[in-house]
N, C-alpha and C. Protein backbone atom coordinates (compact mmCIF):
# COMPACT_ATOMS: atom_id res chain seq x y z
N MET A 1 111.29 189.03 -13.01
CA MET A 1 109.95 188.65 -12.63
C MET A 1 109.20 189.90 -12.16
N THR A 2 108.00 190.06 -12.59
CA THR A 2 107.18 191.18 -12.16
C THR A 2 106.00 190.67 -11.36
N ASN A 3 105.44 191.56 -10.56
CA ASN A 3 104.22 191.23 -9.84
C ASN A 3 103.29 192.44 -9.88
N GLY A 4 102.02 192.19 -9.73
CA GLY A 4 101.06 193.27 -9.77
C GLY A 4 101.12 194.11 -8.50
N ASN A 5 101.06 195.40 -8.65
CA ASN A 5 101.04 196.32 -7.51
C ASN A 5 99.86 197.26 -7.66
N ALA A 6 99.41 197.75 -6.57
CA ALA A 6 98.25 198.65 -6.57
C ALA A 6 98.60 199.99 -7.21
N TRP A 7 97.63 200.55 -7.90
CA TRP A 7 97.80 201.89 -8.46
C TRP A 7 98.07 202.90 -7.35
N THR A 8 97.52 202.65 -6.18
CA THR A 8 97.74 203.55 -5.05
C THR A 8 99.23 203.65 -4.74
N GLU A 9 99.90 202.51 -4.69
CA GLU A 9 101.34 202.51 -4.42
C GLU A 9 102.10 203.24 -5.53
N PHE A 10 101.72 203.00 -6.78
CA PHE A 10 102.35 203.66 -7.92
C PHE A 10 102.21 205.17 -7.82
N ARG A 11 101.03 205.63 -7.41
CA ARG A 11 100.80 207.08 -7.25
C ARG A 11 101.63 207.64 -6.10
N GLU A 12 101.66 206.92 -4.97
CA GLU A 12 102.35 207.41 -3.77
C GLU A 12 103.85 207.55 -3.97
N THR A 13 104.44 206.74 -4.84
CA THR A 13 105.88 206.83 -5.09
C THR A 13 106.27 208.05 -5.91
N GLY A 14 105.30 208.66 -6.58
CA GLY A 14 105.60 209.77 -7.47
C GLY A 14 105.78 209.33 -8.91
N LEU A 15 105.70 208.02 -9.16
CA LEU A 15 105.91 207.52 -10.51
C LEU A 15 104.79 207.91 -11.47
N LEU A 16 103.55 207.94 -11.01
CA LEU A 16 102.46 208.36 -11.89
C LEU A 16 102.66 209.82 -12.31
N TRP A 17 103.02 210.67 -11.37
CA TRP A 17 103.29 212.08 -11.69
C TRP A 17 104.42 212.16 -12.73
N PHE A 18 105.50 211.41 -12.49
CA PHE A 18 106.65 211.46 -13.39
C PHE A 18 106.28 211.01 -14.80
N ILE A 19 105.58 209.91 -14.91
CA ILE A 19 105.16 209.41 -16.22
C ILE A 19 104.22 210.41 -16.89
N ASN A 20 103.32 211.01 -16.12
CA ASN A 20 102.41 211.99 -16.71
C ASN A 20 103.14 213.25 -17.18
N THR A 21 104.24 213.61 -16.53
CA THR A 21 105.00 214.77 -17.02
C THR A 21 105.55 214.50 -18.42
N ILE A 22 105.92 213.24 -18.66
CA ILE A 22 106.40 212.85 -19.99
C ILE A 22 105.24 212.79 -20.98
N LEU A 23 104.14 212.15 -20.58
CA LEU A 23 103.00 212.01 -21.47
C LEU A 23 102.38 213.36 -21.86
N HIS A 24 102.46 214.35 -20.97
CA HIS A 24 101.90 215.67 -21.28
C HIS A 24 102.52 216.27 -22.54
N LEU A 25 103.77 215.96 -22.80
CA LEU A 25 104.44 216.45 -24.00
C LEU A 25 103.68 216.06 -25.25
N PHE A 26 103.05 214.89 -25.21
CA PHE A 26 102.33 214.36 -26.36
C PHE A 26 100.82 214.57 -26.27
N GLY A 27 100.37 215.32 -25.25
CA GLY A 27 98.95 215.58 -25.09
C GLY A 27 98.19 214.41 -24.49
N TRP A 28 98.87 213.59 -23.70
CA TRP A 28 98.25 212.43 -23.06
C TRP A 28 98.54 212.45 -21.56
N ALA A 29 97.74 211.69 -20.82
CA ALA A 29 97.96 211.49 -19.39
C ALA A 29 97.31 210.18 -18.98
N ILE A 30 97.80 209.61 -17.91
CA ILE A 30 97.13 208.48 -17.30
C ILE A 30 96.17 209.07 -16.27
N ALA A 31 94.88 208.87 -16.50
CA ALA A 31 93.85 209.39 -15.60
C ALA A 31 93.52 208.33 -14.56
N VAL A 32 93.30 208.78 -13.33
CA VAL A 32 92.96 207.88 -12.23
C VAL A 32 91.67 208.36 -11.60
N GLU A 33 90.70 207.46 -11.50
CA GLU A 33 89.45 207.76 -10.82
C GLU A 33 89.51 207.18 -9.42
N LEU A 34 89.18 208.01 -8.42
CA LEU A 34 89.24 207.59 -7.03
C LEU A 34 87.84 207.51 -6.43
N ASP A 35 87.66 206.58 -5.51
CA ASP A 35 86.44 206.52 -4.71
C ASP A 35 86.48 207.70 -3.76
N GLU A 36 85.45 208.54 -3.78
CA GLU A 36 85.44 209.76 -2.98
C GLU A 36 85.49 209.49 -1.48
N GLN A 37 84.95 208.39 -1.05
CA GLN A 37 84.91 208.10 0.39
C GLN A 37 86.15 207.38 0.89
N THR A 38 86.67 206.45 0.12
CA THR A 38 87.81 205.65 0.59
C THR A 38 89.15 206.12 0.04
N GLY A 39 89.12 206.86 -1.06
CA GLY A 39 90.35 207.29 -1.71
C GLY A 39 91.01 206.20 -2.52
N GLU A 40 90.37 205.03 -2.62
CA GLU A 40 90.93 203.93 -3.39
C GLU A 40 90.72 204.15 -4.89
N VAL A 41 91.64 203.62 -5.67
CA VAL A 41 91.55 203.74 -7.12
C VAL A 41 90.45 202.82 -7.64
N ILE A 42 89.54 203.40 -8.42
CA ILE A 42 88.44 202.65 -9.03
C ILE A 42 88.82 202.24 -10.44
N SER A 43 89.43 203.17 -11.18
CA SER A 43 89.75 202.93 -12.57
C SER A 43 90.96 203.77 -12.96
N CYS A 44 91.65 203.32 -14.00
CA CYS A 44 92.81 204.02 -14.50
C CYS A 44 92.90 203.78 -15.99
N TYR A 45 93.17 204.84 -16.77
CA TYR A 45 93.17 204.71 -18.22
C TYR A 45 93.92 205.87 -18.86
N PRO A 46 94.44 205.67 -20.09
CA PRO A 46 95.08 206.78 -20.81
C PRO A 46 94.01 207.73 -21.34
N LYS A 47 94.35 209.01 -21.38
CA LYS A 47 93.37 210.01 -21.78
C LYS A 47 94.09 211.16 -22.49
N ARG A 48 93.48 211.66 -23.55
CA ARG A 48 94.01 212.86 -24.21
C ARG A 48 93.77 214.04 -23.28
N CYS A 49 94.71 214.98 -23.28
CA CYS A 49 94.56 216.18 -22.44
C CYS A 49 95.03 217.39 -23.23
N ASN A 50 94.50 218.55 -22.89
CA ASN A 50 94.89 219.77 -23.58
C ASN A 50 95.80 220.66 -22.74
N TYR A 51 96.26 220.15 -21.62
CA TYR A 51 97.17 220.93 -20.78
C TYR A 51 98.56 220.30 -20.82
N ARG A 52 99.55 221.09 -20.46
CA ARG A 52 100.93 220.63 -20.47
C ARG A 52 101.57 220.99 -19.14
N GLY A 53 101.95 219.97 -18.39
CA GLY A 53 102.67 220.21 -17.15
C GLY A 53 101.77 220.37 -15.94
N PHE A 54 102.43 220.53 -14.79
CA PHE A 54 101.77 220.66 -13.50
C PHE A 54 102.17 221.97 -12.84
N THR A 55 101.51 222.30 -11.75
CA THR A 55 101.86 223.50 -10.99
C THR A 55 103.22 223.31 -10.31
N VAL A 56 103.81 224.39 -9.88
CA VAL A 56 105.09 224.33 -9.18
C VAL A 56 104.95 223.49 -7.92
N ASP A 57 103.88 223.68 -7.16
CA ASP A 57 103.67 222.91 -5.93
C ASP A 57 103.54 221.41 -6.22
N CYS A 58 102.80 221.07 -7.26
CA CYS A 58 102.63 219.67 -7.64
C CYS A 58 103.97 219.06 -8.06
N ASN A 59 104.75 219.80 -8.83
CA ASN A 59 106.07 219.31 -9.25
C ASN A 59 107.00 219.13 -8.05
N THR A 60 106.98 220.08 -7.13
CA THR A 60 107.82 219.97 -5.94
C THR A 60 107.47 218.71 -5.17
N GLN A 61 106.18 218.49 -4.93
CA GLN A 61 105.75 217.29 -4.22
C GLN A 61 106.13 216.03 -4.99
N GLY A 62 106.00 216.05 -6.30
CA GLY A 62 106.37 214.91 -7.12
C GLY A 62 107.85 214.58 -7.02
N TYR A 63 108.70 215.60 -7.08
CA TYR A 63 110.14 215.36 -6.95
C TYR A 63 110.50 214.83 -5.57
N ILE A 64 109.83 215.33 -4.54
CA ILE A 64 110.09 214.84 -3.18
C ILE A 64 109.69 213.37 -3.07
N ARG A 65 108.50 213.03 -3.54
CA ARG A 65 108.04 211.64 -3.45
C ARG A 65 108.94 210.70 -4.24
N LEU A 66 109.28 211.09 -5.44
CA LEU A 66 110.12 210.24 -6.29
C LEU A 66 111.52 210.08 -5.70
N SER A 67 112.07 211.15 -5.15
CA SER A 67 113.40 211.09 -4.53
C SER A 67 113.39 210.17 -3.31
N LYS A 68 112.33 210.26 -2.50
CA LYS A 68 112.21 209.38 -1.34
C LYS A 68 112.08 207.92 -1.77
N TYR A 69 111.32 207.67 -2.83
CA TYR A 69 111.18 206.31 -3.35
C TYR A 69 112.55 205.77 -3.76
N LEU A 70 113.30 206.57 -4.50
CA LEU A 70 114.62 206.14 -4.94
C LEU A 70 115.55 205.89 -3.76
N GLN A 71 115.51 206.78 -2.79
CA GLN A 71 116.36 206.64 -1.61
C GLN A 71 116.06 205.33 -0.87
N GLU A 72 114.79 205.00 -0.75
CA GLU A 72 114.39 203.81 0.00
C GLU A 72 114.56 202.51 -0.80
N ASN A 73 114.68 202.59 -2.11
CA ASN A 73 114.69 201.38 -2.94
C ASN A 73 115.91 201.22 -3.83
N ILE A 74 116.90 202.10 -3.70
CA ILE A 74 118.01 202.10 -4.65
C ILE A 74 118.80 200.79 -4.64
N ASP A 75 119.02 200.21 -3.48
CA ASP A 75 119.80 198.96 -3.42
C ASP A 75 119.09 197.85 -4.19
N GLU A 76 117.81 197.72 -4.00
CA GLU A 76 117.03 196.70 -4.71
C GLU A 76 117.00 196.97 -6.20
N LEU A 77 116.86 198.23 -6.59
CA LEU A 77 116.82 198.58 -8.01
C LEU A 77 118.15 198.23 -8.69
N VAL A 78 119.25 198.50 -8.03
CA VAL A 78 120.57 198.17 -8.58
C VAL A 78 120.73 196.66 -8.71
N LYS A 79 120.34 195.90 -7.68
CA LYS A 79 120.41 194.43 -7.75
C LYS A 79 119.59 193.90 -8.92
N GLU A 80 118.39 194.42 -9.10
CA GLU A 80 117.54 193.98 -10.20
C GLU A 80 118.17 194.30 -11.56
N ALA A 81 118.77 195.47 -11.65
CA ALA A 81 119.39 195.89 -12.92
C ALA A 81 120.60 195.03 -13.26
N GLU A 82 121.31 194.59 -12.25
CA GLU A 82 122.54 193.81 -12.46
C GLU A 82 122.25 192.32 -12.72
N SER A 83 121.05 191.88 -12.41
CA SER A 83 120.79 190.44 -12.59
C SER A 83 120.18 190.13 -13.94
């Protein structure tokens, strides 16, 4: 069973960064538009891009976020995979 989650949560886990690292190989990215005042996601869509990859600092932060997400959710992820 799936449920809808906010794009903000998806970004904070590092999953958007991770997926975009894969999409960059094909010249694509998931673009996110944010409200400048609230920081909330307004829109999200696939977009062609002419760049490949992220900066070292961005990658480091992405790996940290994704690792923390896995650390905090691994038991639930395993249960879901086994059911």
